[in-house]
Amino acid sequence: GTAAHGLQYLIQVNLAPGGQKMATFQITESVEINRPAEAVFQYATEVTRAKEWRPGLDSVQDYSGDPFAVGTTWNEVSKFMGRDMVVNFKVTALEAGRQCRIKMDGGVVSGDMTWDANPASDESSTFTLDFDGEVSGWMAGLAKGLIRRQAEKDMKSDLANLKSNLESG
């Protein structure tokens, strides 16, 4: 099948209370995968296997364990601009086999992510990553260029890898 990708984003830079720079994000990326939605969601939410489809991820730490449920937590370590960046994750809502909402806090980068697996047919689905977040402090000024481009690149790459892994397995 063909890889159907879609990307939407909106970035706005504001001053937060106290005059600190803050950039808000809304980024959405989707891919069609020739696997049932439930199988896609199951694989995507296997936190300890995330490195298989997210090559920018160095490690997953402090995973609170299965089953993946509301309240599940973990930390991810990845490189950004040559530095280790640790991001904390917590599942805040879950519709089993279909959708989850995850709170993300990496200090200067924080927000909410939604992972959504929608059936396109009995044997295919559309998987969507939606990020609604903010960047504060010194990185806010980079949000309009570097951060947006990197997030777009990473989301496209991650979804292409997710599709490839699921369709070949």
N, C-alpha and C. Protein backbone atom coordinates (compact mmCIF):
# COMPACT_ATOMS: atom_id res chain seq x y z
N GLY A 1 0.82 -1.19 0.00
CA GLY A 1 0.00 0.00 0.00
C GLY A 1 0.86 1.24 0.00
N THR A 2 0.22 2.33 -0.30
CA THR A 2 0.94 3.59 -0.32
C THR A 2 0.92 4.21 1.07
N ALA A 3 1.94 4.96 1.34
CA ALA A 3 2.03 5.65 2.63
C ALA A 3 1.30 6.98 2.53
N ALA A 4 0.21 7.09 3.21
CA ALA A 4 -0.54 8.34 3.22
C ALA A 4 -0.13 9.12 4.46
N HIS A 5 0.49 10.26 4.26
CA HIS A 5 0.94 11.09 5.38
C HIS A 5 0.18 12.40 5.35
N GLY A 6 -0.08 12.93 6.52
CA GLY A 6 -0.68 14.26 6.60
C GLY A 6 -0.03 14.98 7.76
N LEU A 7 0.22 16.27 7.60
CA LEU A 7 0.82 17.05 8.68
C LEU A 7 0.12 18.39 8.77
N GLN A 8 -0.20 18.75 9.98
CA GLN A 8 -0.74 20.08 10.26
C GLN A 8 0.03 20.62 11.45
N TYR A 9 0.31 21.91 11.43
CA TYR A 9 0.94 22.49 12.60
C TYR A 9 0.58 23.96 12.72
N LEU A 10 0.61 24.43 13.94
CA LEU A 10 0.38 25.83 14.25
C LEU A 10 1.32 26.18 15.39
N ILE A 11 2.12 27.21 15.20
CA ILE A 11 3.06 27.63 16.23
C ILE A 11 2.86 29.11 16.48
N GLN A 12 2.82 29.47 17.76
CA GLN A 12 2.65 30.86 18.15
C GLN A 12 3.61 31.17 19.29
N VAL A 13 4.31 32.28 19.21
CA VAL A 13 5.22 32.67 20.28
C VAL A 13 4.58 33.82 21.05
N ASN A 14 4.49 33.66 22.37
CA ASN A 14 3.89 34.64 23.26
C ASN A 14 4.82 34.90 24.42
N LEU A 15 4.46 35.88 25.22
CA LEU A 15 5.14 36.07 26.50
C LEU A 15 4.28 35.45 27.59
N ALA A 16 4.87 34.56 28.36
CA ALA A 16 4.17 33.94 29.48
C ALA A 16 4.13 34.94 30.63
N PRO A 17 3.31 34.66 31.64
CA PRO A 17 3.31 35.54 32.82
C PRO A 17 4.74 35.73 33.34
N GLY A 18 5.10 36.93 33.67
CA GLY A 18 6.45 37.21 34.13
C GLY A 18 7.39 37.58 32.99
N GLY A 19 6.87 37.64 31.76
CA GLY A 19 7.67 38.06 30.62
C GLY A 19 8.53 37.00 29.99
N GLN A 20 8.42 35.75 30.43
CA GLN A 20 9.21 34.65 29.85
C GLN A 20 8.63 34.26 28.50
N LYS A 21 9.51 34.06 27.52
CA LYS A 21 9.04 33.64 26.21
C LYS A 21 8.42 32.25 26.28
N MET A 22 7.35 32.06 25.50
CA MET A 22 6.68 30.77 25.45
C MET A 22 6.15 30.59 24.03
N ALA A 23 6.34 29.42 23.44
CA ALA A 23 5.80 29.10 22.13
C ALA A 23 4.83 27.94 22.29
N THR A 24 3.64 28.08 21.71
CA THR A 24 2.67 26.99 21.77
C THR A 24 2.63 26.27 20.43
N PHE A 25 2.38 24.97 20.51
CA PHE A 25 2.39 24.11 19.33
C PHE A 25 1.08 23.36 19.18
N GLN A 26 0.69 23.13 17.96
CA GLN A 26 -0.33 22.14 17.61
C GLN A 26 0.20 21.45 16.36
N ILE A 27 0.61 20.20 16.50
CA ILE A 27 1.17 19.45 15.37
C ILE A 27 0.41 18.13 15.28
N THR A 28 -0.02 17.80 14.07
CA THR A 28 -0.72 16.54 13.84
C THR A 28 -0.10 15.85 12.64
N GLU A 29 0.19 14.56 12.79
CA GLU A 29 0.76 13.75 11.71
C GLU A 29 0.04 12.40 11.69
N SER A 30 -0.32 11.93 10.49
CA SER A 30 -1.06 10.67 10.34
C SER A 30 -0.41 9.79 9.28
N VAL A 31 -0.65 8.48 9.40
CA VAL A 31 -0.21 7.53 8.39
C VAL A 31 -1.24 6.41 8.29
N GLU A 32 -1.47 5.92 7.07
CA GLU A 32 -2.34 4.77 6.88
C GLU A 32 -1.49 3.51 6.95
N ILE A 33 -1.95 2.54 7.73
CA ILE A 33 -1.21 1.30 7.95
C ILE A 33 -2.10 0.12 7.60
N ASN A 34 -1.56 -0.82 6.87
CA ASN A 34 -2.32 -2.00 6.45
C ASN A 34 -2.34 -3.06 7.56
N ARG A 35 -2.87 -2.66 8.68
CA ARG A 35 -3.10 -3.53 9.83
C ARG A 35 -4.32 -3.01 10.57
N PRO A 36 -5.07 -3.88 11.25
CA PRO A 36 -6.23 -3.43 12.01
C PRO A 36 -5.85 -2.41 13.09
N ALA A 37 -6.74 -1.49 13.37
CA ALA A 37 -6.48 -0.42 14.33
C ALA A 37 -6.04 -0.95 15.69
N GLU A 38 -6.68 -1.99 16.18
CA GLU A 38 -6.33 -2.52 17.49
C GLU A 38 -4.89 -3.04 17.54
N ALA A 39 -4.43 -3.69 16.45
CA ALA A 39 -3.05 -4.19 16.39
C ALA A 39 -2.06 -3.03 16.35
N VAL A 40 -2.40 -1.98 15.62
CA VAL A 40 -1.53 -0.80 15.55
C VAL A 40 -1.42 -0.15 16.93
N PHE A 41 -2.55 0.03 17.58
CA PHE A 41 -2.55 0.66 18.90
C PHE A 41 -1.78 -0.18 19.91
N GLN A 42 -1.97 -1.48 19.88
CA GLN A 42 -1.28 -2.38 20.80
C GLN A 42 0.24 -2.24 20.67
N TYR A 43 0.74 -2.25 19.44
CA TYR A 43 2.18 -2.13 19.21
C TYR A 43 2.69 -0.75 19.63
N ALA A 44 1.96 0.30 19.25
CA ALA A 44 2.40 1.66 19.56
C ALA A 44 2.47 1.92 21.06
N THR A 45 1.64 1.25 21.83
CA THR A 45 1.61 1.49 23.27
C THR A 45 2.47 0.50 24.06
N GLU A 46 3.24 -0.33 23.38
CA GLU A 46 4.21 -1.18 24.07
C GLU A 46 5.45 -0.32 24.31
N VAL A 47 5.43 0.40 25.41
CA VAL A 47 6.43 1.42 25.72
C VAL A 47 7.85 0.89 25.62
N THR A 48 8.09 -0.32 26.09
CA THR A 48 9.45 -0.87 26.09
C THR A 48 9.94 -1.21 24.68
N ARG A 49 9.06 -1.17 23.68
CA ARG A 49 9.45 -1.43 22.29
C ARG A 49 9.51 -0.14 21.46
N ALA A 50 9.37 1.00 22.10
CA ALA A 50 9.30 2.28 21.38
C ALA A 50 10.53 2.54 20.50
N LYS A 51 11.71 2.10 20.94
CA LYS A 51 12.92 2.33 20.15
C LYS A 51 12.86 1.64 18.78
N GLU A 52 12.01 0.62 18.65
CA GLU A 52 11.88 -0.09 17.38
C GLU A 52 11.33 0.82 16.29
N TRP A 53 10.51 1.77 16.66
CA TRP A 53 9.90 2.64 15.64
C TRP A 53 10.20 4.12 15.85
N ARG A 54 10.92 4.44 16.91
CA ARG A 54 11.30 5.83 17.19
C ARG A 54 12.82 5.92 17.33
N PRO A 55 13.54 6.02 16.20
CA PRO A 55 15.00 5.94 16.23
C PRO A 55 15.68 7.09 16.99
N GLY A 56 15.02 8.21 17.19
CA GLY A 56 15.61 9.31 17.94
C GLY A 56 15.61 9.10 19.44
N LEU A 57 14.97 8.04 19.87
CA LEU A 57 14.86 7.73 21.30
C LEU A 57 16.08 6.92 21.75
N ASP A 58 16.78 7.43 22.77
CA ASP A 58 17.95 6.71 23.30
C ASP A 58 17.55 5.60 24.25
N SER A 59 16.60 5.91 25.17
CA SER A 59 16.19 4.90 26.13
C SER A 59 14.86 5.25 26.77
N VAL A 60 14.22 4.20 27.30
CA VAL A 60 13.01 4.34 28.11
C VAL A 60 13.40 3.91 29.51
N GLN A 61 13.06 4.74 30.50
CA GLN A 61 13.44 4.45 31.88
C GLN A 61 12.23 4.56 32.80
N ASP A 62 12.33 3.89 33.93
CA ASP A 62 11.33 4.01 35.00
C ASP A 62 9.91 3.73 34.53
N TYR A 63 9.76 2.75 33.64
CA TYR A 63 8.42 2.39 33.15
C TYR A 63 7.64 1.74 34.29
N SER A 64 6.44 2.26 34.56
CA SER A 64 5.65 1.74 35.69
C SER A 64 5.03 0.37 35.39
N GLY A 65 5.12 -0.07 34.14
CA GLY A 65 4.75 -1.45 33.82
C GLY A 65 3.40 -1.63 33.20
N ASP A 66 3.20 -2.85 32.72
CA ASP A 66 1.96 -3.23 32.06
C ASP A 66 0.90 -3.56 33.10
N PRO A 67 -0.35 -3.44 32.78
CA PRO A 67 -0.86 -3.04 31.47
C PRO A 67 -0.77 -1.53 31.27
N PHE A 68 -0.73 -1.13 30.00
CA PHE A 68 -0.77 0.29 29.62
C PHE A 68 -2.15 0.79 30.00
N ALA A 69 -2.21 1.74 30.94
CA ALA A 69 -3.50 2.19 31.49
C ALA A 69 -3.38 3.63 31.96
N VAL A 70 -4.51 4.22 32.31
CA VAL A 70 -4.49 5.55 32.90
C VAL A 70 -3.61 5.50 34.14
N GLY A 71 -2.66 6.44 34.23
CA GLY A 71 -1.72 6.46 35.35
C GLY A 71 -0.37 5.86 35.03
N THR A 72 -0.23 5.11 33.93
CA THR A 72 1.06 4.54 33.54
C THR A 72 2.04 5.68 33.29
N THR A 73 3.27 5.52 33.80
CA THR A 73 4.30 6.55 33.64
C THR A 73 5.60 5.95 33.12
N TRP A 74 6.40 6.80 32.48
CA TRP A 74 7.74 6.43 32.03
C TRP A 74 8.50 7.69 31.67
N ASN A 75 9.82 7.55 31.55
CA ASN A 75 10.69 8.64 31.12
C ASN A 75 11.38 8.21 29.84
N GLU A 76 11.59 9.17 28.95
CA GLU A 76 12.33 8.91 27.72
C GLU A 76 13.54 9.83 27.68
N VAL A 77 14.67 9.26 27.24
CA VAL A 77 15.90 10.04 27.08
C VAL A 77 16.23 10.07 25.59
N SER A 78 16.42 11.27 25.08
CA SER A 78 16.83 11.44 23.69
C SER A 78 17.79 12.63 23.62
N LYS A 79 18.44 12.79 22.49
CA LYS A 79 19.37 13.90 22.31
C LYS A 79 18.63 15.05 21.61
N PHE A 80 18.90 16.26 22.08
CA PHE A 80 18.41 17.45 21.40
C PHE A 80 19.50 18.50 21.47
N MET A 81 19.96 18.94 20.30
CA MET A 81 21.04 19.92 20.21
C MET A 81 22.26 19.46 21.01
N GLY A 82 22.56 18.16 20.92
CA GLY A 82 23.75 17.61 21.56
C GLY A 82 23.64 17.32 23.04
N ARG A 83 22.48 17.59 23.62
CA ARG A 83 22.29 17.37 25.06
C ARG A 83 21.27 16.27 25.29
N ASP A 84 21.47 15.51 26.39
CA ASP A 84 20.44 14.56 26.78
C ASP A 84 19.22 15.33 27.25
N MET A 85 18.06 14.93 26.76
CA MET A 85 16.81 15.54 27.17
C MET A 85 15.95 14.43 27.76
N VAL A 86 15.54 14.59 29.01
CA VAL A 86 14.69 13.62 29.69
C VAL A 86 13.27 14.18 29.70
N VAL A 87 12.34 13.37 29.20
CA VAL A 87 10.93 13.78 29.14
C VAL A 87 10.11 12.76 29.93
N ASN A 88 9.26 13.27 30.82
CA ASN A 88 8.38 12.42 31.64
C ASN A 88 7.03 12.29 30.94
N PHE A 89 6.48 11.09 30.95
CA PHE A 89 5.19 10.82 30.32
C PHE A 89 4.23 10.19 31.33
N LYS A 90 2.95 10.53 31.21
CA LYS A 90 1.91 9.92 32.04
C LYS A 90 0.64 9.80 31.22
N VAL A 91 0.07 8.58 31.17
CA VAL A 91 -1.18 8.36 30.47
C VAL A 91 -2.31 8.98 31.29
N THR A 92 -3.07 9.89 30.66
CA THR A 92 -4.14 10.59 31.38
C THR A 92 -5.53 10.16 30.93
N ALA A 93 -5.65 9.53 29.77
CA ALA A 93 -6.94 9.02 29.30
C ALA A 93 -6.67 7.86 28.36
N LEU A 94 -7.59 6.91 28.32
CA LEU A 94 -7.39 5.72 27.49
C LEU A 94 -8.72 5.17 27.04
N GLU A 95 -8.81 4.93 25.73
CA GLU A 95 -9.90 4.15 25.16
C GLU A 95 -9.21 2.93 24.57
N ALA A 96 -9.25 1.82 25.30
CA ALA A 96 -8.46 0.63 24.98
C ALA A 96 -8.57 0.24 23.51
N GLY A 97 -7.41 -0.03 22.91
CA GLY A 97 -7.36 -0.47 21.53
C GLY A 97 -7.56 0.61 20.50
N ARG A 98 -7.77 1.88 20.95
CA ARG A 98 -8.05 2.92 19.98
C ARG A 98 -7.34 4.24 20.23
N GLN A 99 -7.40 4.78 21.45
CA GLN A 99 -6.87 6.12 21.67
C GLN A 99 -6.34 6.29 23.09
N CYS A 100 -5.27 7.09 23.22
CA CYS A 100 -4.79 7.48 24.54
C CYS A 100 -4.35 8.93 24.50
N ARG A 101 -4.41 9.53 25.66
CA ARG A 101 -3.92 10.91 25.84
C ARG A 101 -2.80 10.82 26.85
N ILE A 102 -1.69 11.49 26.54
CA ILE A 102 -0.48 11.39 27.36
C ILE A 102 0.01 12.79 27.70
N LYS A 103 0.25 13.03 28.99
CA LYS A 103 0.84 14.28 29.46
C LYS A 103 2.35 14.14 29.37
N MET A 104 2.98 15.13 28.77
CA MET A 104 4.42 15.11 28.54
C MET A 104 5.05 16.31 29.22
N ASP A 105 6.14 16.09 29.97
CA ASP A 105 6.84 17.20 30.61
C ASP A 105 8.34 16.99 30.52
N GLY A 106 8.97 17.85 29.75
CA GLY A 106 10.42 17.77 29.60
C GLY A 106 11.11 19.03 30.07
N GLY A 107 10.49 19.72 31.02
CA GLY A 107 11.06 20.97 31.51
C GLY A 107 10.67 22.12 30.59
N VAL A 108 11.54 22.43 29.63
CA VAL A 108 11.23 23.54 28.72
C VAL A 108 10.22 23.14 27.65
N VAL A 109 10.01 21.84 27.43
CA VAL A 109 9.01 21.36 26.48
C VAL A 109 7.98 20.54 27.25
N SER A 110 6.70 20.90 27.10
CA SER A 110 5.65 20.17 27.79
C SER A 110 4.39 20.20 26.94
N GLY A 111 3.41 19.36 27.29
CA GLY A 111 2.16 19.38 26.56
C GLY A 111 1.40 18.08 26.66
N ASP A 112 0.42 17.94 25.79
CA ASP A 112 -0.42 16.76 25.72
C ASP A 112 -0.31 16.14 24.34
N MET A 113 -0.21 14.82 24.32
CA MET A 113 -0.19 14.08 23.05
C MET A 113 -1.39 13.15 23.02
N THR A 114 -1.93 12.99 21.82
CA THR A 114 -2.98 12.00 21.61
C THR A 114 -2.49 11.04 20.55
N TRP A 115 -2.60 9.75 20.84
CA TRP A 115 -2.31 8.70 19.87
C TRP A 115 -3.65 8.08 19.52
N ASP A 116 -3.98 8.03 18.25
CA ASP A 116 -5.31 7.62 17.83
C ASP A 116 -5.22 6.63 16.67
N ALA A 117 -5.78 5.45 16.85
CA ALA A 117 -5.83 4.44 15.80
C ALA A 117 -7.28 4.30 15.35
N ASN A 118 -7.57 4.73 14.13
CA ASN A 118 -8.94 4.68 13.59
C ASN A 118 -9.02 3.66 12.47
N PRO A 119 -10.00 2.75 12.54
CA PRO A 119 -10.16 1.79 11.45
C PRO A 119 -10.48 2.49 10.13
N ALA A 120 -9.77 2.10 9.08
CA ALA A 120 -10.09 2.56 7.72
C ALA A 120 -10.89 1.47 7.02
N SER A 121 -10.62 0.23 7.40
CA SER A 121 -11.35 -0.95 6.92
C SER A 121 -11.10 -2.04 7.96
N ASP A 122 -11.53 -3.28 7.67
CA ASP A 122 -11.27 -4.36 8.61
C ASP A 122 -9.78 -4.65 8.78
N GLU A 123 -9.01 -4.38 7.73
CA GLU A 123 -7.59 -4.74 7.75
C GLU A 123 -6.64 -3.55 7.66
N SER A 124 -7.16 -2.32 7.73
CA SER A 124 -6.26 -1.16 7.69
C SER A 124 -6.77 -0.08 8.63
N SER A 125 -5.87 0.84 8.95
CA SER A 125 -6.22 1.89 9.89
C SER A 125 -5.40 3.14 9.61
N THR A 126 -5.83 4.23 10.20
CA THR A 126 -5.07 5.47 10.17
C THR A 126 -4.61 5.73 11.60
N PHE A 127 -3.30 5.88 11.75
CA PHE A 127 -2.75 6.17 13.07
C PHE A 127 -2.31 7.63 13.08
N THR A 128 -2.77 8.37 14.08
CA THR A 128 -2.50 9.80 14.16
C THR A 128 -1.81 10.14 15.48
N LEU A 129 -0.76 10.93 15.37
CA LEU A 129 -0.09 11.51 16.53
C LEU A 129 -0.46 12.99 16.55
N ASP A 130 -0.96 13.47 17.66
CA ASP A 130 -1.32 14.87 17.81
C ASP A 130 -0.58 15.42 19.02
N PHE A 131 0.15 16.50 18.83
CA PHE A 131 0.90 17.11 19.93
C PHE A 131 0.40 18.54 20.11
N ASP A 132 -0.02 18.84 21.31
CA ASP A 132 -0.52 20.16 21.68
C ASP A 132 0.32 20.60 22.87
N GLY A 133 1.34 21.40 22.61
CA GLY A 133 2.27 21.68 23.70
C GLY A 133 2.86 23.06 23.67
N GLU A 134 3.86 23.22 24.51
CA GLU A 134 4.52 24.52 24.60
C GLU A 134 5.99 24.34 24.89
N VAL A 135 6.75 25.33 24.43
CA VAL A 135 8.17 25.42 24.70
C VAL A 135 8.37 26.74 25.41
N SER A 136 9.10 26.71 26.53
CA SER A 136 9.31 27.95 27.27
C SER A 136 10.80 28.19 27.47
N GLY A 137 11.12 29.39 27.90
CA GLY A 137 12.51 29.73 28.19
C GLY A 137 13.32 29.96 26.93
N TRP A 138 14.60 29.65 27.01
CA TRP A 138 15.53 29.96 25.92
C TRP A 138 15.17 29.27 24.62
N MET A 139 14.47 28.12 24.67
CA MET A 139 14.14 27.39 23.44
C MET A 139 12.93 27.97 22.71
N ALA A 140 12.14 28.83 23.34
CA ALA A 140 10.94 29.37 22.71
C ALA A 140 11.26 30.10 21.41
N GLY A 141 12.36 30.81 21.38
CA GLY A 141 12.75 31.53 20.17
C GLY A 141 13.09 30.62 19.01
N LEU A 142 13.45 29.36 19.31
CA LEU A 142 13.77 28.39 18.26
C LEU A 142 12.53 27.70 17.71
N ALA A 143 11.38 27.91 18.36
CA ALA A 143 10.18 27.15 18.05
C ALA A 143 9.69 27.36 16.63
N LYS A 144 9.79 28.57 16.10
CA LYS A 144 9.26 28.84 14.77
C LYS A 144 10.04 28.15 13.67
N GLY A 145 11.30 27.84 13.91
CA GLY A 145 12.11 27.24 12.87
C GLY A 145 12.60 25.86 13.20
N LEU A 146 13.66 25.81 13.94
CA LEU A 146 14.36 24.56 14.24
C LEU A 146 13.47 23.52 14.91
N ILE A 147 12.77 23.90 15.95
CA ILE A 147 11.98 22.92 16.69
C ILE A 147 10.83 22.39 15.85
N ARG A 148 10.15 23.26 15.12
CA ARG A 148 9.04 22.82 14.27
C ARG A 148 9.54 21.84 13.20
N ARG A 149 10.64 22.21 12.55
CA ARG A 149 11.18 21.32 11.50
C ARG A 149 11.60 19.98 12.08
N GLN A 150 12.23 19.99 13.26
CA GLN A 150 12.67 18.74 13.87
C GLN A 150 11.48 17.89 14.28
N ALA A 151 10.46 18.51 14.87
CA ALA A 151 9.27 17.76 15.27
C ALA A 151 8.58 17.16 14.05
N GLU A 152 8.46 17.91 12.98
CA GLU A 152 7.85 17.40 11.75
C GLU A 152 8.64 16.21 11.22
N LYS A 153 9.96 16.37 11.15
CA LYS A 153 10.83 15.29 10.65
C LYS A 153 10.70 14.04 11.52
N ASP A 154 10.76 14.22 12.84
CA ASP A 154 10.70 13.08 13.76
C ASP A 154 9.35 12.37 13.67
N MET A 155 8.26 13.13 13.62
CA MET A 155 6.93 12.50 13.57
C MET A 155 6.76 11.72 12.27
N LYS A 156 7.19 12.29 11.15
CA LYS A 156 7.08 11.58 9.86
C LYS A 156 7.91 10.30 9.88
N SER A 157 9.14 10.40 10.38
CA SER A 157 10.03 9.25 10.46
C SER A 157 9.47 8.18 11.39
N ASP A 158 9.00 8.59 12.55
CA ASP A 158 8.44 7.63 13.52
C ASP A 158 7.26 6.89 12.92
N LEU A 159 6.36 7.60 12.26
CA LEU A 159 5.18 6.95 11.69
C LEU A 159 5.54 6.06 10.50
N ALA A 160 6.51 6.46 9.70
CA ALA A 160 6.96 5.61 8.59
C ALA A 160 7.56 4.31 9.14
N ASN A 161 8.32 4.40 10.25
CA ASN A 161 8.89 3.21 10.88
C ASN A 161 7.79 2.34 11.50
N LEU A 162 6.82 2.95 12.14
CA LEU A 162 5.71 2.21 12.73
C LEU A 162 4.99 1.42 11.63
N LYS A 163 4.70 2.08 10.52
CA LYS A 163 4.03 1.44 9.38
C LYS A 163 4.86 0.28 8.85
N SER A 164 6.15 0.52 8.62
CA SER A 164 7.03 -0.51 8.08
C SER A 164 7.10 -1.72 9.02
N ASN A 165 7.31 -1.47 10.31
CA ASN A 165 7.41 -2.57 11.28
C ASN A 165 6.14 -3.39 11.34
N LEU A 166 4.99 -2.74 11.34
CA LEU A 166 3.72 -3.45 11.44
C LEU A 166 3.37 -4.20 10.16
N GLU A 167 3.64 -3.60 9.02
CA GLU A 167 3.27 -4.25 7.76
C GLU A 167 4.23 -5.36 7.38
N SER A 168 5.47 -5.35 7.90
CA SER A 168 6.42 -6.43 7.58
C SER A 168 6.36 -7.55 8.61
N GLY A 169 5.70 -7.29 9.75
CA GLY A 169 5.65 -8.28 10.83
C GLY A 169 4.36 -8.94 10.84
